[in-house]
């Protein structure tokens, strides 16, 4: 998830689905679910606050 957080901060135009694929998840919805469980917010919220 640290790589996902880095991508969300450093590449704001990158779609969440593409972030998921870059770190090895083929299903963006599943990645979003895991991200929210671990970080406490969904990837879009994290990007907005970063």
PDB file of N, CA and C in Angstrom:
ATOM      1  N   UNK A   1       0.814  -1.196   0.000  1.00  0.00           N
ATOM      2  CA  UNK A   1       0.000   0.000   0.000  1.00  0.00           C
ATOM      3  C   UNK A   1       0.862   1.267   0.000  1.00  0.00           C
ATOM      4  N   UNK A   2       2.075   1.156   0.468  1.00  0.00           N
ATOM      5  CA  UNK A   2       2.929   2.348   0.466  1.00  0.00           C
ATOM      6  C   UNK A   2       3.200   2.816  -0.967  1.00  0.00           C
ATOM      7  N   UNK A   3       3.357   1.872  -1.893  1.00  0.00           N
ATOM      8  CA  UNK A   3       3.562   2.246  -3.295  1.00  0.00           C
ATOM      9  C   UNK A   3       2.291   2.888  -3.861  1.00  0.00           C
ATOM     10  N   UNK A   4       1.152   2.382  -3.491  1.00  0.00           N
ATOM     11  CA  UNK A   4      -0.119   2.971  -3.944  1.00  0.00           C
ATOM     12  C   UNK A   4      -0.252   4.395  -3.412  1.00  0.00           C
ATOM     13  N   UNK A   5       0.093   4.610  -2.164  1.00  0.00           N
ATOM     14  CA  UNK A   5       0.016   5.963  -1.592  1.00  0.00           C
ATOM     15  C   UNK A   5       0.972   6.902  -2.317  1.00  0.00           C
ATOM     16  N   UNK A   6       2.167   6.426  -2.638  1.00  0.00           N
ATOM     17  CA  UNK A   6       3.129   7.248  -3.357  1.00  0.00           C
ATOM     18  C   UNK A   6       2.593   7.635  -4.736  1.00  0.00           C
ATOM     19  N   UNK A   7       2.040   6.662  -5.446  1.00  0.00           N
ATOM     20  CA  UNK A   7       1.493   6.940  -6.776  1.00  0.00           C
ATOM     21  C   UNK A   7       0.333   7.928  -6.699  1.00  0.00           C
ATOM     22  N   UNK A   8      -0.512   7.780  -5.710  1.00  0.00           N
ATOM     23  CA  UNK A   8      -1.654   8.691  -5.570  1.00  0.00           C
ATOM     24  C   UNK A   8      -1.189  10.117  -5.287  1.00  0.00           C
ATOM     25  N   UNK A   9      -0.122  10.253  -4.511  1.00  0.00           N
ATOM     26  CA  UNK A   9       0.408  11.591  -4.208  1.00  0.00           C
ATOM     27  C   UNK A   9       1.148  12.193  -5.393  1.00  0.00           C
ATOM     28  N   UNK A  10       1.994  11.406  -6.032  1.00  0.00           N
ATOM     29  CA  UNK A  10       2.909  11.930  -7.044  1.00  0.00           C
ATOM     30  C   UNK A  10       2.328  11.981  -8.454  1.00  0.00           C
ATOM     31  N   UNK A  11       1.285  11.213  -8.719  1.00  0.00           N
ATOM     32  CA  UNK A  11       0.676  11.203 -10.052  1.00  0.00           C
ATOM     33  C   UNK A  11      -0.830  11.415  -9.933  1.00  0.00           C
ATOM     34  N   UNK A  12      -1.248  12.647  -9.664  1.00  0.00           N
ATOM     35  CA  UNK A  12      -2.670  12.911  -9.397  1.00  0.00           C
ATOM     36  C   UNK A  12      -3.600  12.621 -10.574  1.00  0.00           C
ATOM     37  N   UNK A  13      -3.099  12.579 -11.801  1.00  0.00           N
ATOM     38  CA  UNK A  13      -3.948  12.291 -12.948  1.00  0.00           C
ATOM     39  C   UNK A  13      -4.155  10.806 -13.208  1.00  0.00           C
ATOM     40  N   UNK A  14      -3.461   9.965 -12.463  1.00  0.00           N
ATOM     41  CA  UNK A  14      -3.527   8.521 -12.659  1.00  0.00           C
ATOM     42  C   UNK A  14      -4.828   7.973 -12.075  1.00  0.00           C
ATOM     43  N   UNK A  15      -5.567   7.222 -12.865  1.00  0.00           N
ATOM     44  CA  UNK A  15      -6.811   6.629 -12.383  1.00  0.00           C
ATOM     45  C   UNK A  15      -6.527   5.588 -11.301  1.00  0.00           C
ATOM     46  N   UNK A  16      -7.469   5.451 -10.371  1.00  0.00           N
ATOM     47  CA  UNK A  16      -7.311   4.476  -9.281  1.00  0.00           C
ATOM     48  C   UNK A  16      -7.125   3.073  -9.856  1.00  0.00           C
ATOM     49  N   UNK A  17      -7.853   2.740 -10.909  1.00  0.00           N
ATOM     50  CA  UNK A  17      -7.710   1.437 -11.561  1.00  0.00           C
ATOM     51  C   UNK A  17      -6.268   1.213 -12.021  1.00  0.00           C
ATOM     52  N   UNK A  18      -5.641   2.256 -12.558  1.00  0.00           N
ATOM     53  CA  UNK A  18      -4.262   2.128 -13.031  1.00  0.00           C
ATOM     54  C   UNK A  18      -3.274   2.007 -11.867  1.00  0.00           C
ATOM     55  N   UNK A  19      -3.560   2.692 -10.772  1.00  0.00           N
ATOM     56  CA  UNK A  19      -2.738   2.525  -9.561  1.00  0.00           C
ATOM     57  C   UNK A  19      -2.811   1.076  -9.115  1.00  0.00           C
ATOM     58  N   UNK A  20      -4.016   0.532  -9.061  1.00  0.00           N
ATOM     59  CA  UNK A  20      -4.213  -0.864  -8.652  1.00  0.00           C
ATOM     60  C   UNK A  20      -3.419  -1.807  -9.549  1.00  0.00           C
ATOM     61  N   UNK A  21      -3.500  -1.599 -10.855  1.00  0.00           N
ATOM     62  CA  UNK A  21      -2.789  -2.465 -11.792  1.00  0.00           C
ATOM     63  C   UNK A  21      -1.275  -2.362 -11.621  1.00  0.00           C
ATOM     64  N   UNK A  22      -0.776  -1.169 -11.379  1.00  0.00           N
ATOM     65  CA  UNK A  22       0.680  -0.990 -11.226  1.00  0.00           C
ATOM     66  C   UNK A  22       1.227  -1.713 -10.006  1.00  0.00           C
ATOM     67  N   UNK A  23       0.401  -1.866  -8.964  1.00  0.00           N
ATOM     68  CA  UNK A  23       0.915  -2.559  -7.779  1.00  0.00           C
ATOM     69  C   UNK A  23       0.473  -4.021  -7.718  1.00  0.00           C
ATOM     70  N   UNK A  24      -0.184  -4.482  -8.798  1.00  0.00           N
ATOM     71  CA  UNK A  24      -0.448  -5.917  -8.895  1.00  0.00           C
ATOM     72  C   UNK A  24      -1.880  -6.368  -8.696  1.00  0.00           C
ATOM     73  N   UNK A  25      -2.832  -5.472  -8.592  1.00  0.00           N
ATOM     74  CA  UNK A  25      -4.235  -5.850  -8.448  1.00  0.00           C
ATOM     75  C   UNK A  25      -4.939  -5.651  -9.781  1.00  0.00           C
ATOM     76  N   UNK A  26      -5.628  -6.672 -10.253  1.00  0.00           N
ATOM     77  CA  UNK A  26      -6.344  -6.563 -11.518  1.00  0.00           C
ATOM     78  C   UNK A  26      -7.743  -5.973 -11.317  1.00  0.00           C
ATOM     79  N   UNK A  27      -8.267  -6.087 -10.124  1.00  0.00           N
ATOM     80  CA  UNK A  27      -9.618  -5.609  -9.817  1.00  0.00           C
ATOM     81  C   UNK A  27      -9.536  -4.319  -9.004  1.00  0.00           C
ATOM     82  N   UNK A  28      -9.900  -3.205  -9.621  1.00  0.00           N
ATOM     83  CA  UNK A  28      -9.827  -1.909  -8.953  1.00  0.00           C
ATOM     84  C   UNK A  28     -10.751  -1.792  -7.759  1.00  0.00           C
ATOM     85  N   UNK A  29     -11.921  -2.427  -7.833  1.00  0.00           N
ATOM     86  CA  UNK A  29     -12.860  -2.370  -6.701  1.00  0.00           C
ATOM     87  C   UNK A  29     -12.302  -3.108  -5.490  1.00  0.00           C
ATOM     88  N   UNK A  30     -11.676  -4.241  -5.744  1.00  0.00           N
ATOM     89  CA  UNK A  30     -11.063  -4.995  -4.648  1.00  0.00           C
ATOM     90  C   UNK A  30      -9.922  -4.199  -4.035  1.00  0.00           C
ATOM     91  N   UNK A  31      -9.093  -3.579  -4.877  1.00  0.00           N
ATOM     92  CA  UNK A  31      -8.004  -2.741  -4.387  1.00  0.00           C
ATOM     93  C   UNK A  31      -8.553  -1.611  -3.520  1.00  0.00           C
ATOM     94  N   UNK A  32      -9.625  -0.950  -3.978  1.00  0.00           N
ATOM     95  CA  UNK A  32     -10.224   0.148  -3.219  1.00  0.00           C
ATOM     96  C   UNK A  32     -10.708  -0.342  -1.852  1.00  0.00           C
ATOM     97  N   UNK A  33     -11.315  -1.521  -1.826  1.00  0.00           N
ATOM     98  CA  UNK A  33     -11.797  -2.103  -0.569  1.00  0.00           C
ATOM     99  C   UNK A  33     -10.637  -2.349   0.402  1.00  0.00           C
ATOM    100  N   UNK A  34      -9.547  -2.932  -0.115  1.00  0.00           N
ATOM    101  CA  UNK A  34      -8.378  -3.194   0.733  1.00  0.00           C
ATOM    102  C   UNK A  34      -7.729  -1.896   1.196  1.00  0.00           C
ATOM    103  N   UNK A  35      -7.620  -0.931   0.290  1.00  0.00           N
ATOM    104  CA  UNK A  35      -7.016   0.354   0.623  1.00  0.00           C
ATOM    105  C   UNK A  35      -7.803   1.018   1.746  1.00  0.00           C
ATOM    106  N   UNK A  36      -9.121   1.029   1.624  1.00  0.00           N
ATOM    107  CA  UNK A  36      -9.959   1.660   2.645  1.00  0.00           C
ATOM    108  C   UNK A  36      -9.827   0.937   3.987  1.00  0.00           C
ATOM    109  N   UNK A  37      -9.757  -0.375   3.945  1.00  0.00           N
ATOM    110  CA  UNK A  37      -9.624  -1.148   5.181  1.00  0.00           C
ATOM    111  C   UNK A  37      -8.303  -0.827   5.885  1.00  0.00           C
ATOM    112  N   UNK A  38      -7.222  -0.704   5.106  1.00  0.00           N
ATOM    113  CA  UNK A  38      -5.900  -0.482   5.695  1.00  0.00           C
ATOM    114  C   UNK A  38      -5.637   0.982   6.037  1.00  0.00           C
ATOM    115  N   UNK A  39      -6.044   1.906   5.175  1.00  0.00           N
ATOM    116  CA  UNK A  39      -5.696   3.318   5.332  1.00  0.00           C
ATOM    117  C   UNK A  39      -6.793   4.114   6.035  1.00  0.00           C
ATOM    118  N   UNK A  40      -8.037   3.646   5.926  1.00  0.00           N
ATOM    119  CA  UNK A  40      -9.140   4.335   6.605  1.00  0.00           C
ATOM    120  C   UNK A  40      -9.910   5.301   5.716  1.00  0.00           C
ATOM    121  N   UNK A  41      -9.531   5.378   4.446  1.00  0.00           N
ATOM    122  CA  UNK A  41     -10.256   6.198   3.471  1.00  0.00           C
ATOM    123  C   UNK A  41     -10.013   5.593   2.101  1.00  0.00           C
ATOM    124  N   UNK A  42     -10.895   5.914   1.158  1.00  0.00           N
ATOM    125  CA  UNK A  42     -10.696   5.337  -0.170  1.00  0.00           C
ATOM    126  C   UNK A  42      -9.579   6.093  -0.898  1.00  0.00           C
ATOM    127  N   UNK A  43      -9.057   5.526  -1.985  1.00  0.00           N
ATOM    128  CA  UNK A  43      -7.921   6.150  -2.674  1.00  0.00           C
ATOM    129  C   UNK A  43      -8.194   7.576  -3.144  1.00  0.00           C
ATOM    130  N   UNK A  44      -9.390   7.852  -3.602  1.00  0.00           N
ATOM    131  CA  UNK A  44      -9.718   9.213  -4.057  1.00  0.00           C
ATOM    132  C   UNK A  44      -9.665  10.220  -2.908  1.00  0.00           C
ATOM    133  N   UNK A  45     -10.203   9.825  -1.756  1.00  0.00           N
ATOM    134  CA  UNK A  45     -10.138  10.694  -0.575  1.00  0.00           C
ATOM    135  C   UNK A  45      -8.685  10.924  -0.169  1.00  0.00           C
ATOM    136  N   UNK A  46      -7.890   9.866  -0.204  1.00  0.00           N
ATOM    137  CA  UNK A  46      -6.479   9.991   0.158  1.00  0.00           C
ATOM    138  C   UNK A  46      -5.778  10.965  -0.771  1.00  0.00           C
ATOM    139  N   UNK A  47      -6.028  10.857  -2.052  1.00  0.00           N
ATOM    140  CA  UNK A  47      -5.396  11.737  -3.036  1.00  0.00           C
ATOM    141  C   UNK A  47      -5.817  13.196  -2.787  1.00  0.00           C
ATOM    142  N   UNK A  48      -7.083  13.416  -2.480  1.00  0.00           N
ATOM    143  CA  UNK A  48      -7.568  14.786  -2.227  1.00  0.00           C
ATOM    144  C   UNK A  48      -6.908  15.404  -0.998  1.00  0.00           C
ATOM    145  N   UNK A  49      -6.592  14.586  -0.010  1.00  0.00           N
ATOM    146  CA  UNK A  49      -5.999  15.096   1.233  1.00  0.00           C
ATOM    147  C   UNK A  49      -4.488  15.169   1.182  1.00  0.00           C
ATOM    148  N   UNK A  50      -3.895  14.461   0.217  1.00  0.00           N
ATOM    149  CA  UNK A  50      -2.419  14.407   0.150  1.00  0.00           C
ATOM    150  C   UNK A  50      -1.834  15.690  -0.415  1.00  0.00           C
TER     151      UNK A  50
END
